[in-house]
Amino acid sequence: MSKYDRENDNMFLNPIQDSKKKSIVESVTDIIIGFAMYLPINFFILPMFAADIANQELMGFLQITAIFTMVAFVRKYTIRRWFSKMRF
């Protein structure tokens, strides 16, 4: 068995465990980045849907929800991948 095979076997036998410190730092980073992202998004997106909000139209609410959900997914995925590559 080559060294490469042993390293890959170990990768599957011992799952990577996040440290508590890494989890806390990731969560705080996610909150800070999310806050910084949503301020301008609220400023630009919500006025575009002002009439839909005032008329309480369901499609407007669904569109706003879809935009915020996509942004949150991309943010969370990017931060998770970034932290999975970091070593603590």
PDB file of N, CA and C in Angstrom:
ATOM      1  N   MET A   1       0.852  -1.174   0.000  1.00  0.00           N
ATOM      2  CA  MET A   1       0.000   0.000   0.000  1.00  0.00           C
ATOM      3  C   MET A   1       0.899   1.238   0.000  1.00  0.00           C
ATOM      4  N   SER A   2       0.595   2.150  -0.897  1.00  0.00           N
ATOM      5  CA  SER A   2       1.414   3.350  -1.005  1.00  0.00           C
ATOM      6  C   SER A   2       1.033   4.363   0.070  1.00  0.00           C
ATOM      7  N   LYS A   3       1.889   5.355   0.210  1.00  0.00           N
ATOM      8  CA  LYS A   3       1.630   6.417   1.185  1.00  0.00           C
ATOM      9  C   LYS A   3       0.336   7.155   0.848  1.00  0.00           C
ATOM     10  N   TYR A   4       0.089   7.350  -0.443  1.00  0.00           N
ATOM     11  CA  TYR A   4      -1.126   8.039  -0.879  1.00  0.00           C
ATOM     12  C   TYR A   4      -2.370   7.271  -0.444  1.00  0.00           C
ATOM     13  N   ASP A   5      -2.352   5.944  -0.612  1.00  0.00           N
ATOM     14  CA  ASP A   5      -3.500   5.119  -0.220  1.00  0.00           C
ATOM     15  C   ASP A   5      -3.738   5.182   1.284  1.00  0.00           C
ATOM     16  N   ARG A   6      -2.662   5.149   2.075  1.00  0.00           N
ATOM     17  CA  ARG A   6      -2.818   5.208   3.529  1.00  0.00           C
ATOM     18  C   ARG A   6      -3.402   6.548   3.972  1.00  0.00           C
ATOM     19  N   GLU A   7      -2.972   7.635   3.320  1.00  0.00           N
ATOM     20  CA  GLU A   7      -3.512   8.948   3.674  1.00  0.00           C
ATOM     21  C   GLU A   7      -4.994   9.034   3.335  1.00  0.00           C
ATOM     22  N   ASN A   8      -5.387   8.477   2.196  1.00  0.00           N
ATOM     23  CA  ASN A   8      -6.800   8.502   1.821  1.00  0.00           C
ATOM     24  C   ASN A   8      -7.621   7.606   2.729  1.00  0.00           C
ATOM     25  N   ASP A   9      -7.075   6.448   3.143  1.00  0.00           N
ATOM     26  CA  ASP A   9      -7.781   5.579   4.081  1.00  0.00           C
ATOM     27  C   ASP A   9      -7.998   6.298   5.405  1.00  0.00           C
ATOM     28  N   ASN A  10      -6.978   6.991   5.881  1.00  0.00           N
ATOM     29  CA  ASN A  10      -7.102   7.729   7.140  1.00  0.00           C
ATOM     30  C   ASN A  10      -8.141   8.835   7.037  1.00  0.00           C
ATOM     31  N   MET A  11      -8.254   9.415   5.855  1.00  0.00           N
ATOM     32  CA  MET A  11      -9.218  10.485   5.672  1.00  0.00           C
ATOM     33  C   MET A  11     -10.642   9.966   5.894  1.00  0.00           C
ATOM     34  N   PHE A  12     -10.904   8.727   5.482  1.00  0.00           N
ATOM     35  CA  PHE A  12     -12.247   8.181   5.635  1.00  0.00           C
ATOM     36  C   PHE A  12     -12.454   7.543   6.998  1.00  0.00           C
ATOM     37  N   LEU A  13     -11.381   7.078   7.633  1.00  0.00           N
ATOM     38  CA  LEU A  13     -11.513   6.448   8.939  1.00  0.00           C
ATOM     39  C   LEU A  13     -11.648   7.472  10.055  1.00  0.00           C
ATOM     40  N   ASN A  14     -10.973   8.599   9.918  1.00  0.00           N
ATOM     41  CA  ASN A  14     -11.002   9.645  10.940  1.00  0.00           C
ATOM     42  C   ASN A  14     -11.645  10.899  10.361  1.00  0.00           C
ATOM     43  N   PRO A  15     -12.947  11.070  10.539  1.00  0.00           N
ATOM     44  CA  PRO A  15     -13.574  12.275   9.979  1.00  0.00           C
ATOM     45  C   PRO A  15     -12.998  13.532  10.614  1.00  0.00           C
ATOM     46  N   ILE A  16     -12.943  14.567   9.820  1.00  0.00           N
ATOM     47  CA  ILE A  16     -12.404  15.840  10.303  1.00  0.00           C
ATOM     48  C   ILE A  16     -13.369  16.427  11.323  1.00  0.00           C
ATOM     49  N   GLN A  17     -12.838  16.796  12.475  1.00  0.00           N
ATOM     50  CA  GLN A  17     -13.659  17.376  13.527  1.00  0.00           C
ATOM     51  C   GLN A  17     -13.280  18.843  13.694  1.00  0.00           C
ATOM     52  N   ASP A  18     -14.295  19.668  13.645  1.00  0.00           N
ATOM     53  CA  ASP A  18     -14.053  21.094  13.861  1.00  0.00           C
ATOM     54  C   ASP A  18     -13.833  21.352  15.341  1.00  0.00           C
ATOM     55  N   SER A  19     -12.897  22.213  15.610  1.00  0.00           N
ATOM     56  CA  SER A  19     -12.690  22.607  16.995  1.00  0.00           C
ATOM     57  C   SER A  19     -13.768  23.609  17.392  1.00  0.00           C
ATOM     58  N   LYS A  20     -13.981  23.736  18.683  1.00  0.00           N
ATOM     59  CA  LYS A  20     -14.968  24.699  19.168  1.00  0.00           C
ATOM     60  C   LYS A  20     -14.568  26.117  18.779  1.00  0.00           C
ATOM     61  N   LYS A  21     -13.275  26.383  18.865  1.00  0.00           N
ATOM     62  CA  LYS A  21     -12.784  27.713  18.517  1.00  0.00           C
ATOM     63  C   LYS A  21     -13.078  28.023  17.049  1.00  0.00           C
ATOM     64  N   LYS A  22     -12.830  27.065  16.180  1.00  0.00           N
ATOM     65  CA  LYS A  22     -13.072  27.264  14.755  1.00  0.00           C
ATOM     66  C   LYS A  22     -14.559  27.500  14.487  1.00  0.00           C
ATOM     67  N   SER A  23     -15.419  26.763  15.161  1.00  0.00           N
ATOM     68  CA  SER A  23     -16.864  26.932  14.983  1.00  0.00           C
ATOM     69  C   SER A  23     -17.324  28.306  15.442  1.00  0.00           C
ATOM     70  N   ILE A  24     -16.796  28.762  16.564  1.00  0.00           N
ATOM     71  CA  ILE A  24     -17.164  30.086  17.074  1.00  0.00           C
ATOM     72  C   ILE A  24     -16.687  31.175  16.122  1.00  0.00           C
ATOM     73  N   VAL A  25     -15.453  31.064  15.660  1.00  0.00           N
ATOM     74  CA  VAL A  25     -14.908  32.069  14.739  1.00  0.00           C
ATOM     75  C   VAL A  25     -15.710  32.070  13.438  1.00  0.00           C
ATOM     76  N   GLU A  26     -16.071  30.891  12.943  1.00  0.00           N
ATOM     77  CA  GLU A  26     -16.873  30.811  11.719  1.00  0.00           C
ATOM     78  C   GLU A  26     -18.242  31.461  11.914  1.00  0.00           C
ATOM     79  N   SER A  27     -18.876  31.204  13.038  1.00  0.00           N
ATOM     80  CA  SER A  27     -20.200  31.779  13.309  1.00  0.00           C
ATOM     81  C   SER A  27     -20.143  33.296  13.418  1.00  0.00           C
ATOM     82  N   VAL A  28     -19.161  33.800  14.143  1.00  0.00           N
ATOM     83  CA  VAL A  28     -19.018  35.250  14.299  1.00  0.00           C
ATOM     84  C   VAL A  28     -18.705  35.896  12.946  1.00  0.00           C
ATOM     85  N   THR A  29     -17.839  35.266  12.168  1.00  0.00           N
ATOM     86  CA  THR A  29     -17.514  35.782  10.839  1.00  0.00           C
ATOM     87  C   THR A  29     -18.754  35.820   9.957  1.00  0.00           C
ATOM     88  N   ASP A  30     -19.551  34.761  10.022  1.00  0.00           N
ATOM     89  CA  ASP A  30     -20.780  34.699   9.233  1.00  0.00           C
ATOM     90  C   ASP A  30     -21.745  35.818   9.621  1.00  0.00           C
ATOM     91  N   ILE A  31     -21.868  36.075  10.906  1.00  0.00           N
ATOM     92  CA  ILE A  31     -22.764  37.138  11.379  1.00  0.00           C
ATOM     93  C   ILE A  31     -22.281  38.507  10.908  1.00  0.00           C
ATOM     94  N   ILE A  32     -20.989  38.765  11.046  1.00  0.00           N
ATOM     95  CA  ILE A  32     -20.438  40.071  10.660  1.00  0.00           C
ATOM     96  C   ILE A  32     -20.560  40.288   9.154  1.00  0.00           C
ATOM     97  N   ILE A  33     -20.194  39.285   8.369  1.00  0.00           N
ATOM     98  CA  ILE A  33     -20.296  39.413   6.913  1.00  0.00           C
ATOM     99  C   ILE A  33     -21.757  39.547   6.492  1.00  0.00           C
ATOM    100  N   GLY A  34     -22.638  38.776   7.129  1.00  0.00           N
ATOM    101  CA  GLY A  34     -24.060  38.869   6.817  1.00  0.00           C
ATOM    102  C   GLY A  34     -24.614  40.250   7.098  1.00  0.00           C
ATOM    103  N   PHE A  35     -24.254  40.812   8.235  1.00  0.00           N
ATOM    104  CA  PHE A  35     -24.709  42.164   8.580  1.00  0.00           C
ATOM    105  C   PHE A  35     -24.211  43.169   7.549  1.00  0.00           C
ATOM    106  N   ALA A  36     -22.928  43.069   7.191  1.00  0.00           N
ATOM    107  CA  ALA A  36     -22.344  44.004   6.223  1.00  0.00           C
ATOM    108  C   ALA A  36     -22.969  43.841   4.837  1.00  0.00           C
ATOM    109  N   MET A  37     -23.362  42.622   4.490  1.00  0.00           N
ATOM    110  CA  MET A  37     -23.970  42.392   3.177  1.00  0.00           C
ATOM    111  C   MET A  37     -25.416  42.872   3.117  1.00  0.00           C
ATOM    112  N   TYR A  38     -26.165  42.653   4.191  1.00  0.00           N
ATOM    113  CA  TYR A  38     -27.596  42.929   4.139  1.00  0.00           C
ATOM    114  C   TYR A  38     -27.943  44.404   4.283  1.00  0.00           C
ATOM    115  N   LEU A  39     -27.050  45.213   4.821  1.00  0.00           N
ATOM    116  CA  LEU A  39     -27.334  46.654   4.870  1.00  0.00           C
ATOM    117  C   LEU A  39     -27.520  47.239   3.467  1.00  0.00           C
ATOM    118  N   PRO A  40     -26.561  47.067   2.553  1.00  0.00           N
ATOM    119  CA  PRO A  40     -26.786  47.607   1.205  1.00  0.00           C
ATOM    120  C   PRO A  40     -27.875  46.858   0.437  1.00  0.00           C
ATOM    121  N   ILE A  41     -28.027  45.557   0.697  1.00  0.00           N
ATOM    122  CA  ILE A  41     -29.083  44.810   0.008  1.00  0.00           C
ATOM    123  C   ILE A  41     -30.449  45.362   0.408  1.00  0.00           C
ATOM    124  N   ASN A  42     -30.640  45.606   1.703  1.00  0.00           N
ATOM    125  CA  ASN A  42     -31.900  46.212   2.158  1.00  0.00           C
ATOM    126  C   ASN A  42     -32.106  47.585   1.527  1.00  0.00           C
ATOM    127  N   PHE A  43     -31.041  48.344   1.434  1.00  0.00           N
ATOM    128  CA  PHE A  43     -31.128  49.705   0.905  1.00  0.00           C
ATOM    129  C   PHE A  43     -31.552  49.715  -0.564  1.00  0.00           C
ATOM    130  N   PHE A  44     -31.072  48.740  -1.357  1.00  0.00           N
ATOM    131  CA  PHE A  44     -31.360  48.726  -2.791  1.00  0.00           C
ATOM    132  C   PHE A  44     -32.545  47.837  -3.174  1.00  0.00           C
ATOM    133  N   ILE A  45     -32.714  46.708  -2.519  1.00  0.00           N
ATOM    134  CA  ILE A  45     -33.750  45.752  -2.917  1.00  0.00           C
ATOM    135  C   ILE A  45     -35.131  46.151  -2.408  1.00  0.00           C
ATOM    136  N   LEU A  46     -35.239  46.497  -1.141  1.00  0.00           N
ATOM    137  CA  LEU A  46     -36.564  46.780  -0.581  1.00  0.00           C
ATOM    138  C   LEU A  46     -37.284  47.949  -1.260  1.00  0.00           C
ATOM    139  N   PRO A  47     -36.598  49.055  -1.615  1.00  0.00           N
ATOM    140  CA  PRO A  47     -37.314  50.118  -2.337  1.00  0.00           C
ATOM    141  C   PRO A  47     -37.859  49.669  -3.702  1.00  0.00           C
ATOM    142  N   MET A  48     -37.213  48.691  -4.330  1.00  0.00           N
ATOM    143  CA  MET A  48     -37.707  48.184  -5.607  1.00  0.00           C
ATOM    144  C   MET A  48     -39.058  47.488  -5.442  1.00  0.00           C
ATOM    145  N   PHE A  49     -39.331  46.992  -4.251  1.00  0.00           N
ATOM    146  CA  PHE A  49     -40.566  46.263  -3.983  1.00  0.00           C
ATOM    147  C   PHE A  49     -41.503  47.050  -3.061  1.00  0.00           C
ATOM    148  N   ALA A  50     -41.334  48.356  -2.987  1.00  0.00           N
ATOM    149  CA  ALA A  50     -42.136  49.169  -2.060  1.00  0.00           C
ATOM    150  C   ALA A  50     -43.631  49.052  -2.349  1.00  0.00           C
ATOM    151  N   ALA A  51     -44.012  49.071  -3.615  1.00  0.00           N
ATOM    152  CA  ALA A  51     -45.435  48.964  -3.962  1.00  0.00           C
ATOM    153  C   ALA A  51     -45.986  47.591  -3.586  1.00  0.00           C
ATOM    154  N   ASP A  52     -45.201  46.545  -3.830  1.00  0.00           N
ATOM    155  CA  ASP A  52     -45.635  45.191  -3.471  1.00  0.00           C
ATOM    156  C   ASP A  52     -45.788  45.050  -1.966  1.00  0.00           C
ATOM    157  N   ILE A  53     -44.885  45.663  -1.226  1.00  0.00           N
ATOM    158  CA  ILE A  53     -44.958  45.603   0.239  1.00  0.00           C
ATOM    159  C   ILE A  53     -46.182  46.372   0.731  1.00  0.00           C
ATOM    160  N   ALA A  54     -46.401  47.556   0.168  1.00  0.00           N
ATOM    161  CA  ALA A  54     -47.544  48.372   0.592  1.00  0.00           C
ATOM    162  C   ALA A  54     -48.873  47.685   0.281  1.00  0.00           C
ATOM    163  N   ASN A  55     -48.937  46.999  -0.869  1.00  0.00           N
ATOM    164  CA  ASN A  55     -50.172  46.308  -1.264  1.00  0.00           C
ATOM    165  C   ASN A  55     -50.256  44.888  -0.709  1.00  0.00           C
ATOM    166  N   GLN A  56     -49.240  44.479  -0.001  1.00  0.00           N
ATOM    167  CA  GLN A  56     -49.155  43.139   0.584  1.00  0.00           C
ATOM    168  C   GLN A  56     -49.377  42.050  -0.468  1.00  0.00           C
ATOM    169  N   GLU A  57     -48.671  42.181  -1.592  1.00  0.00           N
ATOM    170  CA  GLU A  57     -48.787  41.203  -2.672  1.00  0.00           C
ATOM    171  C   GLU A  57     -47.878  40.013  -2.397  1.00  0.00           C
ATOM    172  N   LEU A  58     -48.445  38.838  -2.532  1.00  0.00           N
ATOM    173  CA  LEU A  58     -47.721  37.606  -2.224  1.00  0.00           C
ATOM    174  C   LEU A  58     -46.508  37.412  -3.134  1.00  0.00           C
ATOM    175  N   MET A  59     -46.649  37.685  -4.427  1.00  0.00           N
ATOM    176  CA  MET A  59     -45.528  37.488  -5.353  1.00  0.00           C
ATOM    177  C   MET A  59     -44.352  38.398  -5.009  1.00  0.00           C
ATOM    178  N   GLY A  60     -44.628  39.600  -4.581  1.00  0.00           N
ATOM    179  CA  GLY A  60     -43.549  40.495  -4.165  1.00  0.00           C
ATOM    180  C   GLY A  60     -42.815  39.951  -2.962  1.00  0.00           C
ATOM    181  N   PHE A  61     -43.569  39.439  -1.998  1.00  0.00           N
ATOM    182  CA  PHE A  61     -42.943  38.852  -0.808  1.00  0.00           C
ATOM    183  C   PHE A  61     -42.112  37.624  -1.173  1.00  0.00           C
ATOM    184  N   LEU A  62     -42.628  36.799  -2.093  1.00  0.00           N
ATOM    185  CA  LEU A  62     -41.886  35.603  -2.512  1.00  0.00           C
ATOM    186  C   LEU A  62     -40.603  35.971  -3.252  1.00  0.00           C
ATOM    187  N   GLN A  63     -40.658  37.025  -4.059  1.00  0.00           N
ATOM    188  CA  GLN A  63     -39.459  37.466  -4.772  1.00  0.00           C
ATOM    189  C   GLN A  63     -38.409  37.998  -3.801  1.00  0.00           C
ATOM    190  N   ILE A  64     -38.839  38.795  -2.838  1.00  0.00           N
ATOM    191  CA  ILE A  64     -37.908  39.309  -1.826  1.00  0.00           C
ATOM    192  C   ILE A  64     -37.297  38.145  -1.050  1.00  0.00           C
ATOM    193  N   THR A  65     -38.130  37.199  -0.659  1.00  0.00           N
ATOM    194  CA  THR A  65     -37.647  36.032   0.083  1.00  0.00           C
ATOM    195  C   THR A  65     -36.653  35.235  -0.743  1.00  0.00           C
ATOM    196  N   ALA A  66     -36.920  35.062  -2.038  1.00  0.00           N
ATOM    197  CA  ALA A  66     -36.008  34.316  -2.909  1.00  0.00           C
ATOM    198  C   ALA A  66     -34.657  35.020  -3.020  1.00  0.00           C
ATOM    199  N   ILE A  67     -34.665  36.331  -3.148  1.00  0.00           N
ATOM    200  CA  ILE A  67     -33.412  37.086  -3.246  1.00  0.00           C
ATOM    201  C   ILE A  67     -32.590  36.928  -1.968  1.00  0.00           C
ATOM    202  N   PHE A  68     -33.228  37.122  -0.819  1.00  0.00           N
ATOM    203  CA  PHE A  68     -32.507  37.014   0.446  1.00  0.00           C
ATOM    204  C   PHE A  68     -32.031  35.580   0.700  1.00  0.00           C
ATOM    205  N   THR A  69     -32.818  34.596   0.289  1.00  0.00           N
ATOM    206  CA  THR A  69     -32.420  33.198   0.464  1.00  0.00           C
ATOM    207  C   THR A  69     -31.214  32.865  -0.399  1.00  0.00           C
ATOM    208  N   MET A  70     -31.199  33.327  -1.646  1.00  0.00           N
ATOM    209  CA  MET A  70     -30.051  33.064  -2.518  1.00  0.00           C
ATOM    210  C   MET A  70     -28.784  33.719  -1.977  1.00  0.00           C
ATOM    211  N   VAL A  71     -28.910  34.950  -1.517  1.00  0.00           N
ATOM    212  CA  VAL A  71     -27.749  35.648  -0.952  1.00  0.00           C
ATOM    213  C   VAL A  71     -27.238  34.909   0.285  1.00  0.00           C
ATOM    214  N   ALA A  72     -28.148  34.478   1.150  1.00  0.00           N
ATOM    215  CA  ALA A  72     -27.749  33.762   2.366  1.00  0.00           C
ATOM    216  C   ALA A  72     -27.084  32.433   2.028  1.00  0.00           C
ATOM    217  N   PHE A  73     -27.615  31.723   1.036  1.00  0.00           N
ATOM    218  CA  PHE A  73     -27.022  30.445   0.641  1.00  0.00           C
ATOM    219  C   PHE A  73     -25.605  30.626   0.117  1.00  0.00           C
ATOM    220  N   VAL A  74     -25.428  31.579  -0.779  1.00  0.00           N
ATOM    221  CA  VAL A  74     -24.093  31.824  -1.346  1.00  0.00           C
ATOM    222  C   VAL A  74     -23.125  32.257  -0.253  1.00  0.00           C
ATOM    223  N   ARG A  75     -23.567  33.145   0.640  1.00  0.00           N
ATOM    224  CA  ARG A  75     -22.711  33.601   1.738  1.00  0.00           C
ATOM    225  C   ARG A  75     -22.302  32.437   2.627  1.00  0.00           C
ATOM    226  N   LYS A  76     -23.263  31.653   3.056  1.00  0.00           N
ATOM    227  CA  LYS A  76     -22.979  30.550   3.971  1.00  0.00           C
ATOM    228  C   LYS A  76     -22.099  29.500   3.306  1.00  0.00           C
ATOM    229  N   TYR A  77     -22.373  29.165   2.047  1.00  0.00           N
ATOM    230  CA  TYR A  77     -21.573  28.173   1.329  1.00  0.00           C
ATOM    231  C   TYR A  77     -20.129  28.648   1.189  1.00  0.00           C
ATOM    232  N   THR A  78     -19.955  29.915   0.828  1.00  0.00           N
ATOM    233  CA  THR A  78     -18.608  30.463   0.644  1.00  0.00           C
ATOM    234  C   THR A  78     -17.833  30.468   1.958  1.00  0.00           C
ATOM    235  N   ILE A  79     -18.465  30.910   3.018  1.00  0.00           N
ATOM    236  CA  ILE A  79     -17.788  30.948   4.318  1.00  0.00           C
ATOM    237  C   ILE A  79     -17.464  29.541   4.798  1.00  0.00           C
ATOM    238  N   ARG A  80     -18.382  28.602   4.620  1.00  0.00           N
ATOM    239  CA  ARG A  80     -18.138  27.222   5.050  1.00  0.00           C
ATOM    240  C   ARG A  80     -16.966  26.601   4.294  1.00  0.00           C
ATOM    241  N   ARG A  81     -16.907  26.828   2.967  1.00  0.00           N
ATOM    242  CA  ARG A  81     -15.790  26.294   2.168  1.00  0.00           C
ATOM    243  C   ARG A  81     -14.478  26.960   2.573  1.00  0.00           C
ATOM    244  N   TRP A  82     -14.516  28.256   2.845  1.00  0.00           N
ATOM    245  CA  TRP A  82     -13.319  28.991   3.246  1.00  0.00           C
ATOM    246  C   TRP A  82     -12.791  28.434   4.560  1.00  0.00           C
ATOM    247  N   PHE A  83     -13.677  28.216   5.526  1.00  0.00           N
ATOM    248  CA  PHE A  83     -13.245  27.718   6.826  1.00  0.00           C
ATOM    249  C   PHE A  83     -12.848  26.244   6.783  1.00  0.00           C
ATOM    250  N   SER A  84     -13.393  25.483   5.856  1.00  0.00           N
ATOM    251  CA  SER A  84     -12.995  24.078   5.769  1.00  0.00           C
ATOM    252  C   SER A  84     -11.562  23.943   5.259  1.00  0.00           C
ATOM    253  N   LYS A  85     -11.084  24.953   4.542  1.00  0.00           N
ATOM    254  CA  LYS A  85      -9.702  24.933   4.051  1.00  0.00           C
ATOM    255  C   LYS A  85      -8.712  25.479   5.073  1.00  0.00           C
ATOM    256  N   MET A  86      -9.212  26.192   6.084  1.00  0.00           N
ATOM    257  CA  MET A  86      -8.331  26.782   7.095  1.00  0.00           C
ATOM    258  C   MET A  86      -7.928  25.744   8.128  1.00  0.00           C
ATOM    259  N   ARG A  87      -6.777  25.943   8.700  1.00  0.00           N
ATOM    260  CA  ARG A  87      -6.289  25.071   9.773  1.00  0.00           C
ATOM    261  C   ARG A  87      -6.245  25.865  11.066  1.00  0.00           C
ATOM    262  N   PHE A  88      -6.839  25.329  12.101  1.00  0.00           N
ATOM    263  CA  PHE A  88      -6.822  25.974  13.417  1.00  0.00           C
ATOM    264  C   PHE A  88      -6.025  25.127  14.374  1.00  0.00           C
TER     265      PHE A  88
END
